[in-house]
Protein backbone atom coordinates (compact mmCIF):
# COMPACT_ATOMS: atom_id res chain seq x y z
CA UNK A 1 289.25 1.98 132.30
CA UNK A 2 288.78 5.36 130.57
CA UNK A 3 285.70 6.19 128.57
CA UNK A 4 286.00 7.44 124.95
CA UNK A 5 285.11 10.98 126.11
CA UNK A 6 287.73 10.86 128.86
CA UNK A 7 290.37 9.67 126.39
CA UNK A 8 289.35 12.36 123.89
CA UNK A 9 289.66 15.03 126.61
CA UNK A 10 293.14 13.78 127.53
CA UNK A 11 294.23 14.03 123.89
CA UNK A 12 292.75 17.51 123.55
CA UNK A 13 294.66 18.68 126.60
CA UNK A 14 297.91 17.39 125.13
CA UNK A 15 297.35 19.05 121.76
CA UNK A 16 296.05 22.40 123.00
CA UNK A 17 297.98 22.74 126.27
CA UNK A 18 301.23 20.93 125.45
CA UNK A 19 301.39 21.33 121.64
CA UNK A 20 301.68 17.58 121.08
CA UNK A 21 300.47 15.82 117.93
CA UNK A 22 297.79 13.18 118.31
CA UNK A 23 300.16 10.69 116.67
CA UNK A 24 302.77 11.09 119.42
CA UNK A 25 303.09 8.25 121.88
CA UNK A 26 302.12 10.43 124.85
CA UNK A 27 298.78 11.24 123.23
CA UNK A 28 298.26 7.65 122.12
CA UNK A 29 298.64 6.45 125.70
CA UNK A 30 295.30 8.09 126.42
CA UNK A 31 293.71 5.28 124.39
CA UNK A 32 295.20 2.47 126.47
CA UNK A 33 292.55 0.18 127.91
CA UNK A 34 289.97 0.94 125.21
CA UNK A 35 288.75 -1.64 122.71
CA UNK A 36 288.98 -0.95 118.99
CA UNK A 37 285.53 0.62 118.64
CA UNK A 38 286.06 2.87 121.69
CA UNK A 39 289.47 3.99 120.38
CA UNK A 40 287.87 4.93 117.08
CA UNK A 41 285.16 6.90 118.88
CA UNK A 42 287.66 8.72 121.10
CA UNK A 43 289.74 9.72 118.07
CA UNK A 44 286.63 10.91 116.25
CA UNK A 45 285.54 13.05 119.23
CA UNK A 46 289.00 14.61 119.58
CA UNK A 47 289.36 15.26 115.85
CA UNK A 48 285.87 16.76 115.50
CA UNK A 49 286.51 19.10 118.44
CA UNK A 50 289.84 20.27 116.98
CA UNK A 51 288.23 20.67 113.55
CA UNK A 52 285.46 22.82 115.07
CA UNK A 53 287.46 24.59 117.78
CA UNK A 54 286.68 28.11 116.57
CA UNK A 55 282.99 27.25 116.44
CA UNK A 56 283.04 25.72 119.92
CA UNK A 57 284.55 28.89 121.35
CA UNK A 58 281.91 31.05 119.65
CA UNK A 59 279.09 28.88 120.97
CA UNK A 60 280.52 29.05 124.50
CA UNK A 61 281.43 32.75 124.52
CA UNK A 62 277.98 34.07 125.46
CA UNK A 63 277.80 31.70 128.44
CA UNK A 64 281.20 32.45 129.97
CA UNK A 65 282.27 35.73 131.54
CA UNK A 66 285.86 34.61 131.02
CA UNK A 67 287.47 31.40 129.80
CA UNK A 68 287.97 28.91 132.66
CA UNK A 69 291.16 26.90 133.23
CA UNK A 70 292.36 25.03 130.11
CA UNK A 71 291.22 21.62 131.41
CA UNK A 72 287.70 22.88 132.02
CA UNK A 73 287.61 24.85 128.77
CA UNK A 74 288.65 21.82 126.75
CA UNK A 75 285.98 19.73 128.47
CA UNK A 76 283.39 22.36 127.54
CA UNK A 77 284.67 22.46 123.95
CA UNK A 78 284.54 18.68 123.61
CA UNK A 79 281.03 18.51 125.02
CA UNK A 80 279.79 21.49 123.01
CA UNK A 81 280.78 19.99 119.67
CA UNK A 82 279.31 16.61 120.54
CA UNK A 83 276.05 18.32 121.54
CA UNK A 84 276.05 20.48 118.40
CA UNK A 85 276.46 17.39 116.26
CA UNK A 86 273.48 15.64 117.79
CA UNK A 87 274.97 13.88 120.80
CA UNK A 88 272.61 12.71 123.55
CA UNK A 89 272.31 15.72 125.85
CA UNK A 90 271.71 13.71 129.01
CA UNK A 91 274.76 11.48 128.47
CA UNK A 92 277.10 14.26 127.32
CA UNK A 93 276.27 16.68 130.14
CA UNK A 94 276.27 14.04 132.87
CA UNK A 95 279.65 12.63 131.89
CA UNK A 96 281.16 16.12 131.61
CA UNK A 97 279.95 16.93 135.12
CA UNK A 98 281.30 13.60 136.40
CA UNK A 99 284.71 14.16 134.82
CA UNK A 100 285.16 17.64 136.26
CA UNK A 101 283.81 16.66 139.69
CA UNK A 102 286.50 13.95 139.98
CA UNK A 103 289.30 16.41 139.19
CA UNK A 104 291.24 17.29 142.33
CA UNK A 105 291.79 20.89 141.30
CA UNK A 106 288.63 21.77 139.36
CA UNK A 107 285.92 19.73 141.11
CA UNK A 108 284.23 22.91 142.31
CA UNK A 109 283.58 23.87 138.66
CA UNK A 110 280.97 21.13 138.17
CA UNK A 111 278.12 23.61 138.70
CA UNK A 112 279.46 25.89 135.97
CA UNK A 113 279.97 22.98 133.58
CA UNK A 114 276.45 21.71 134.20
CA UNK A 115 274.81 25.12 133.75
CA UNK A 116 276.75 26.07 130.62
CA UNK A 117 276.28 22.76 128.85
CA UNK A 118 272.54 22.62 129.53
CA UNK A 119 272.21 26.00 127.81
CA UNK A 120 274.48 24.91 124.98
CA UNK A 121 272.49 21.69 124.49
CA UNK A 122 269.35 23.71 123.77
CA UNK A 123 270.86 25.99 121.13
CA UNK A 124 274.08 24.56 119.69
CA UNK A 125 272.58 22.20 117.04
CA UNK A 126 270.93 25.17 115.30
CA UNK A 127 273.52 27.87 116.00
CA UNK A 128 276.46 25.86 114.66
CA UNK A 129 274.80 25.73 111.22
CA UNK A 130 275.27 29.46 110.68
CA UNK A 131 278.88 29.70 111.85
CA UNK A 132 281.62 29.94 109.21
CA UNK A 133 284.15 27.23 108.56
CA UNK A 134 286.97 27.73 111.08
CA UNK A 135 289.93 29.64 109.70
CA UNK A 136 293.49 28.42 109.61
CA UNK A 137 295.91 30.08 112.06
CA UNK A 138 297.51 33.26 110.77
CA UNK A 139 300.99 31.68 110.46
CA UNK A 140 299.59 29.32 107.83
CA UNK A 141 296.67 31.24 106.34
CA UNK A 142 298.92 34.15 105.35
CA UNK A 143 301.38 32.18 103.19
CA UNK A 144 298.58 30.13 101.63
CA UNK A 145 296.57 33.22 100.73
CA UNK A 146 299.67 34.71 99.13
CA UNK A 147 300.29 31.52 97.16
CA UNK A 148 296.69 30.99 96.04
CA UNK A 149 293.94 33.49 96.95
CA UNK A 150 291.61 34.17 99.86
CA UNK A 151 288.78 32.48 97.95
CA UNK A 152 290.79 29.30 97.36
CA UNK A 153 291.99 29.22 100.97
CA UNK A 154 288.37 29.62 102.07
CA UNK A 155 287.44 26.60 99.95
CA UNK A 156 290.28 24.64 101.56
CA UNK A 157 288.97 25.58 105.02
CA UNK A 158 285.53 24.26 104.08
CA UNK A 159 287.21 21.01 102.97
CA UNK A 160 289.15 20.81 106.24
CA UNK A 161 285.92 21.20 108.22
CA UNK A 162 284.25 18.41 106.25
CA UNK A 163 286.97 15.98 107.32
CA UNK A 164 288.06 13.02 105.24
CA UNK A 165 286.42 9.78 104.17
CA UNK A 166 288.46 6.58 104.36
CA UNK A 167 290.39 5.73 101.19
CA UNK A 168 291.88 2.32 100.51
CA UNK A 169 294.50 1.08 98.07
CA UNK A 170 293.85 -2.52 97.05
CA UNK A 171 296.18 -5.15 95.68
CA UNK A 172 293.72 -6.05 92.91
CA UNK A 173 290.10 -5.52 91.77
CA UNK A 174 289.27 -2.06 93.19
CA UNK A 175 285.74 -2.16 91.76
CA UNK A 176 285.09 -5.51 93.41
CA UNK A 177 286.30 -4.31 96.78
CA UNK A 178 284.26 -1.11 96.50
CA UNK A 179 281.18 -3.26 96.02
CA UNK A 180 282.08 -5.61 98.91
CA UNK A 181 282.66 -2.76 101.36
CA UNK A 182 279.79 -0.57 100.24
CA UNK A 183 282.11 2.13 98.90
CA UNK A 184 282.80 3.89 95.63
CA UNK A 185 285.82 4.45 93.44
CA UNK A 186 287.48 7.86 93.38
CA UNK A 187 288.37 9.27 89.93
CA UNK A 188 291.97 8.17 90.59
CA UNK A 189 291.00 4.59 91.41
CA UNK A 190 290.99 4.37 95.22
CA UNK A 191 288.17 2.68 97.14
CA UNK A 192 286.37 5.33 99.20
CA UNK A 193 284.24 4.60 102.27
CA UNK A 194 282.27 7.55 103.71
CA UNK A 195 281.71 5.90 107.11
CA UNK A 196 284.29 3.24 107.88
CA UNK A 197 284.07 2.79 111.65
CA UNK A 198 286.67 0.40 113.05
CA UNK A 199 289.11 -0.22 110.19
CA UNK A 200 290.50 -3.50 111.49
CA UNK A 201 286.99 -4.99 111.56
CA UNK A 202 286.42 -4.46 107.83
CA UNK A 203 286.48 -7.39 105.42
CA UNK A 204 289.88 -7.74 103.80
CA UNK A 205 291.93 -6.16 106.58
CA UNK A 206 293.13 -9.34 108.24
CA UNK A 207 293.77 -10.99 104.89
CA UNK A 208 295.82 -8.02 103.71
CA UNK A 209 293.83 -7.28 100.56
CA UNK A 210 294.07 -3.51 101.06
CA UNK A 211 295.58 -0.75 103.17
CA UNK A 212 294.49 2.74 104.19
CA UNK A 213 295.87 5.46 101.91
CA UNK A 214 294.37 8.75 100.78
CA UNK A 215 293.63 8.88 97.06
CA UNK A 216 296.11 11.74 96.63
CA UNK A 217 298.82 9.93 98.60
CA UNK A 218 298.39 6.90 96.34
CA UNK A 219 299.11 8.87 93.19
CA UNK A 220 302.94 9.32 93.40
CA UNK A 221 303.55 5.56 93.26
CA UNK A 222 301.10 5.28 90.36
CA UNK A 223 302.98 8.01 88.51
CA UNK A 224 306.29 6.23 89.11
CA UNK A 225 304.72 3.27 87.27
CA UNK A 226 307.09 0.63 88.65
CA UNK A 227 307.30 -2.49 86.51
CA UNK A 228 308.02 -6.11 87.32
CA UNK A 229 311.72 -6.77 87.78
CA UNK A 230 312.73 -3.10 88.11
CA UNK A 231 314.84 -1.99 91.07
CA UNK A 232 312.94 0.69 92.96
CA UNK A 233 313.87 2.72 96.06
CA UNK A 234 311.21 4.13 98.34
CA UNK A 235 313.03 6.78 100.37
CA UNK A 236 311.43 7.88 103.66
CA UNK A 237 309.06 4.95 103.24
CA UNK A 238 307.17 4.78 106.55
CA UNK A 239 304.37 3.93 107.18
CA UNK A 240 304.63 1.90 103.99
CA UNK A 241 301.63 2.67 101.80
CA UNK A 242 303.74 3.55 98.78
CA UNK A 243 306.11 0.64 99.49
CA UNK A 244 303.17 -1.75 99.26
CA UNK A 245 301.98 -0.17 96.02
CA UNK A 246 305.45 -0.59 94.50
CA UNK A 247 305.81 -4.15 95.79
CA UNK A 248 302.40 -5.08 94.38
CA UNK A 249 303.70 -4.15 90.90
CA UNK A 250 306.29 -6.91 91.07
CA UNK A 251 309.25 -4.55 91.33
CA UNK A 252 312.27 -5.30 93.52
CA UNK A 253 311.63 -2.71 96.21
CA UNK A 254 314.04 -1.29 98.79
CA UNK A 255 312.12 0.43 101.60
CA UNK A 256 314.37 2.96 103.33
CA UNK A 257 313.74 4.97 106.49
CA UNK A 258 315.94 6.41 109.23
CA UNK A 259 313.66 5.30 112.08
CA UNK A 260 313.58 1.70 113.23
CA UNK A 261 310.40 2.51 115.15
CA UNK A 262 308.63 3.64 111.97
CA UNK A 263 310.03 0.68 110.05
CA UNK A 264 308.38 -1.68 112.52
CA UNK A 265 305.04 -0.55 111.15
CA UNK A 266 306.27 -0.97 107.56
CA UNK A 267 307.28 -4.57 108.31
CA UNK A 268 303.90 -5.23 109.97
CA UNK A 269 302.07 -3.87 106.93
CA UNK A 270 304.17 -5.94 104.52
CA UNK A 271 303.53 -9.07 106.58
CA UNK A 272 299.78 -8.45 106.73
CA UNK A 273 299.52 -7.89 102.98
CA UNK A 274 301.91 -10.68 102.02
CA UNK A 275 304.05 -8.28 99.98
CA UNK A 276 307.83 -8.30 99.87
CA UNK A 277 310.43 -5.52 100.08
CA UNK A 278 313.96 -5.18 101.40
CA UNK A 279 313.62 -3.00 104.49
CA UNK A 280 316.65 -0.86 105.34
CA UNK A 281 317.14 1.43 108.33
CA UNK A 282 319.51 4.16 107.19
CA UNK A 283 319.74 7.92 106.75
CA UNK A 284 318.47 8.72 103.26
CA UNK A 285 321.36 11.15 102.74
CA UNK A 286 323.98 8.43 103.21
CA UNK A 287 322.30 5.67 101.20
CA UNK A 288 324.14 4.52 98.07
CA UNK A 289 323.09 2.44 95.10
CA UNK A 290 321.68 2.63 91.59
CA UNK A 291 317.99 2.16 90.86
CA UNK A 292 315.71 2.13 87.85
CA UNK A 293 313.31 4.35 89.78
CA UNK A 294 313.29 6.30 93.04
CA UNK A 295 310.31 7.66 94.98
CA UNK A 296 311.09 10.44 97.46
CA UNK A 297 308.18 11.37 99.72
CA UNK A 298 310.20 13.99 101.57
CA UNK A 299 309.68 15.13 105.17
CA UNK A 300 307.49 18.23 105.05
CA UNK A 301 305.08 20.48 106.92
CA UNK A 302 302.18 18.06 106.25
CA UNK A 303 299.93 21.08 105.68
CA UNK A 304 298.10 19.13 102.98
CA UNK A 305 296.73 16.62 105.51
CA UNK A 306 294.78 18.96 107.80
CA UNK A 307 291.41 17.48 106.83
CA UNK A 308 292.61 14.22 108.42
CA UNK A 309 294.91 15.72 111.06
CA UNK A 310 293.22 18.81 112.55
CA UNK A 311 295.68 18.77 115.43
CA UNK A 312 298.53 20.02 113.20
CA UNK A 313 297.66 23.76 113.23
CA UNK A 314 297.48 23.68 117.03
CA UNK A 315 300.66 21.69 117.63
CA UNK A 316 302.87 23.42 115.04
CA UNK A 317 303.77 27.06 114.44
CA UNK A 318 305.76 26.92 111.21
CA UNK A 319 309.03 27.75 112.96
CA UNK A 320 310.90 24.74 111.56
CA UNK A 321 309.66 24.96 107.99
CA UNK A 322 312.87 26.60 106.78
CA UNK A 323 314.94 23.65 107.98
CA UNK A 324 312.50 21.23 106.34
CA UNK A 325 312.74 23.03 103.01
CA UNK A 326 316.54 22.88 103.14
CA UNK A 327 316.42 19.16 103.99
CA UNK A 328 314.06 18.49 101.08
CA UNK A 329 316.48 20.13 98.64
CA UNK A 330 319.39 18.03 99.94
CA UNK A 331 317.36 14.83 99.77
CA UNK A 332 316.18 15.57 96.24
CA UNK A 333 319.74 16.21 95.06
CA UNK A 334 320.93 12.99 96.71
CA UNK A 335 318.04 10.98 95.27
CA UNK A 336 319.00 12.18 91.79
CA UNK A 337 322.39 10.51 92.19
CA UNK A 338 320.71 7.17 92.89
CA UNK A 339 318.79 7.09 89.59
CA UNK A 340 320.25 5.09 86.70
CA UNK A 341 320.67 6.60 83.26
CA UNK A 342 317.25 6.68 81.63
CA UNK A 343 315.57 6.15 85.00
CA UNK A 344 312.98 8.24 86.77
CA UNK A 345 312.49 9.99 90.08
CA UNK A 346 309.21 11.00 91.68
CA UNK A 347 309.45 13.80 94.25
CA UNK A 348 306.43 14.52 96.40
CA UNK A 349 305.35 16.27 99.60
CA UNK A 350 301.99 16.33 101.41
CA UNK A 351 302.27 20.11 101.65
CA UNK A 352 300.25 23.03 100.30
CA UNK A 353 303.22 25.39 100.43
CA UNK A 354 304.87 26.05 97.03
CA UNK A 355 308.29 26.30 98.72
CA UNK A 356 307.94 22.58 99.48
CA UNK A 357 306.80 21.68 95.98
CA UNK A 358 306.84 23.85 92.89
CA UNK A 359 309.84 25.90 94.01
CA UNK A 360 311.84 22.81 94.98
CA UNK A 361 311.41 21.21 91.55
CA UNK A 362 312.00 24.47 89.69
CA UNK A 363 315.32 24.94 91.52
CA UNK A 364 316.24 21.27 91.04
CA UNK A 365 315.73 21.39 87.28
CA UNK A 366 317.92 24.49 87.01
CA UNK A 367 320.81 22.73 88.76
CA UNK A 368 320.30 19.25 87.26
CA UNK A 369 320.09 19.62 83.47
CA UNK A 370 320.26 15.84 83.05
CA UNK A 371 316.67 15.69 84.38
CA UNK A 372 313.45 16.89 82.78
CA UNK A 373 309.89 17.04 84.10
CA UNK A 374 307.87 14.28 82.45
CA UNK A 375 304.42 15.84 82.04
CA UNK A 376 303.27 12.96 79.82
CA UNK A 377 303.42 10.71 82.89
CA UNK A 378 300.76 12.92 84.50
CA UNK A 379 298.16 12.01 81.88
CA UNK A 380 296.17 9.59 84.02
CA UNK A 381 292.51 9.03 84.85
CA UNK A 382 291.22 11.55 87.36
CA UNK A 383 293.93 14.16 86.77
CA UNK A 384 292.74 17.52 85.48
CA UNK A 385 295.23 19.11 83.07
CA UNK A 386 294.67 22.40 84.92
CA UNK A 387 296.43 20.90 87.96
CA UNK A 388 299.73 20.62 86.06
CA UNK A 389 302.03 23.45 87.14
CA UNK A 390 304.36 25.67 85.16
CA UNK A 391 307.53 23.72 85.99
CA UNK A 392 305.85 20.44 85.08
CA UNK A 393 304.64 19.10 88.44
CA UNK A 394 301.18 18.36 89.76
CA UNK A 395 299.41 20.38 92.45
CA UNK A 396 296.55 18.74 94.36
CA UNK A 397 294.37 20.60 96.89
CA UNK A 398 291.86 19.49 99.55
CA UNK A 399 289.04 21.36 97.79
CA UNK A 400 289.43 19.28 94.62
CA UNK A 401 286.67 16.66 94.29
CA UNK A 402 284.91 18.43 97.17
CA UNK A 403 281.53 17.02 96.07
CA UNK A 404 282.73 13.46 96.80
CA UNK A 405 284.85 14.14 99.89
CA UNK A 406 287.98 15.91 98.62
CA UNK A 407 291.57 14.72 98.84
CA UNK A 408 294.76 15.57 100.69
CA UNK A 409 296.86 18.49 99.50
CA UNK A 410 299.90 17.15 97.67
CA UNK A 411 302.63 18.18 95.25
CA UNK A 412 304.42 15.69 93.01
CA UNK A 413 306.61 15.66 89.93
CA UNK A 414 307.97 12.91 87.69
CA UNK A 415 311.60 13.68 86.86
CA UNK A 416 313.20 11.70 84.03
CA UNK A 417 316.95 11.21 83.71
CA UNK A 418 318.47 11.40 80.23
């Protein structure tokens, strides 16, 4: 059976050496054999190392004449960040030495690993405090700096380093659940837990009273404002957070996704929460029908979720963003044709790139005069009027609400049909 550190190292190797996302099945196999608490610890170790990778390399640089083989370097990075964050030096160093000594190819490196980590253990907790927040890779930092400013991007990087608390959407009584779970309410009404631990062990999980959903990700469904008896389509619905929000309103929800694998999770979530929706496996671009309201959470770069998914900058390079942007435009145009007269459409992406948000809606409104941006729908608790963009959408950033843990980067717009 693997240990949490061993599983975390395996995931690091797949992200950094093979450019795989932590969510991919190959990476998830590293967690097989671990109980729930150990899985959570392994994921935390891997995420914290990826979040602090630049800092780990700086802490190690003075102790290495040259970087060792990737496997050994990733082991040193993992151990360095755990030591810098207060991990037990004896346990961290001993397990690192054990792991490398058992490796058929790199067993002879155990002396180096032992020597380097003992030096790191003595200095890393203090040295890491003066290191800057790690910067985004150039392929992403450049476009974001052009879209915002270097100061704003710097604030985003600080937010990414801080990571993300656990946000929950509840079926009813958010204040009551915040009190039960020892959390607080975000300005937009989500229950926020700073230290959640094993999610499935929390009160209310088994009974389906809530589901995990970032406070920013919960906002598009709130803006859609589905009402009891309305027909509502959730395009690209997996993993189902927005579907459950819509179903909880009493609307007649169709949950659409092109992947049967992803829809399996949607069905599991609906079953756990006792909510109902018609689940359809179909390409969004071929779906037909007429709905009172449509929510399109379009496939995107996911650059707004880096505080929760620090593997993304290491597993992606931005090469396919052009194809994604084209797909978003096609999906948005198709979604418009599914909205009844007088109905509404919410378009959103968990992206920080204007080409996947503001520009998409600006172009859409120019070519679809029957739609207008409904800025009145954006007047909700927790929304700063300064976040409303020129074309009538809403731009959220990870550095907003930084004092209480931030939020995911998101763009969304409420589009009303005449």
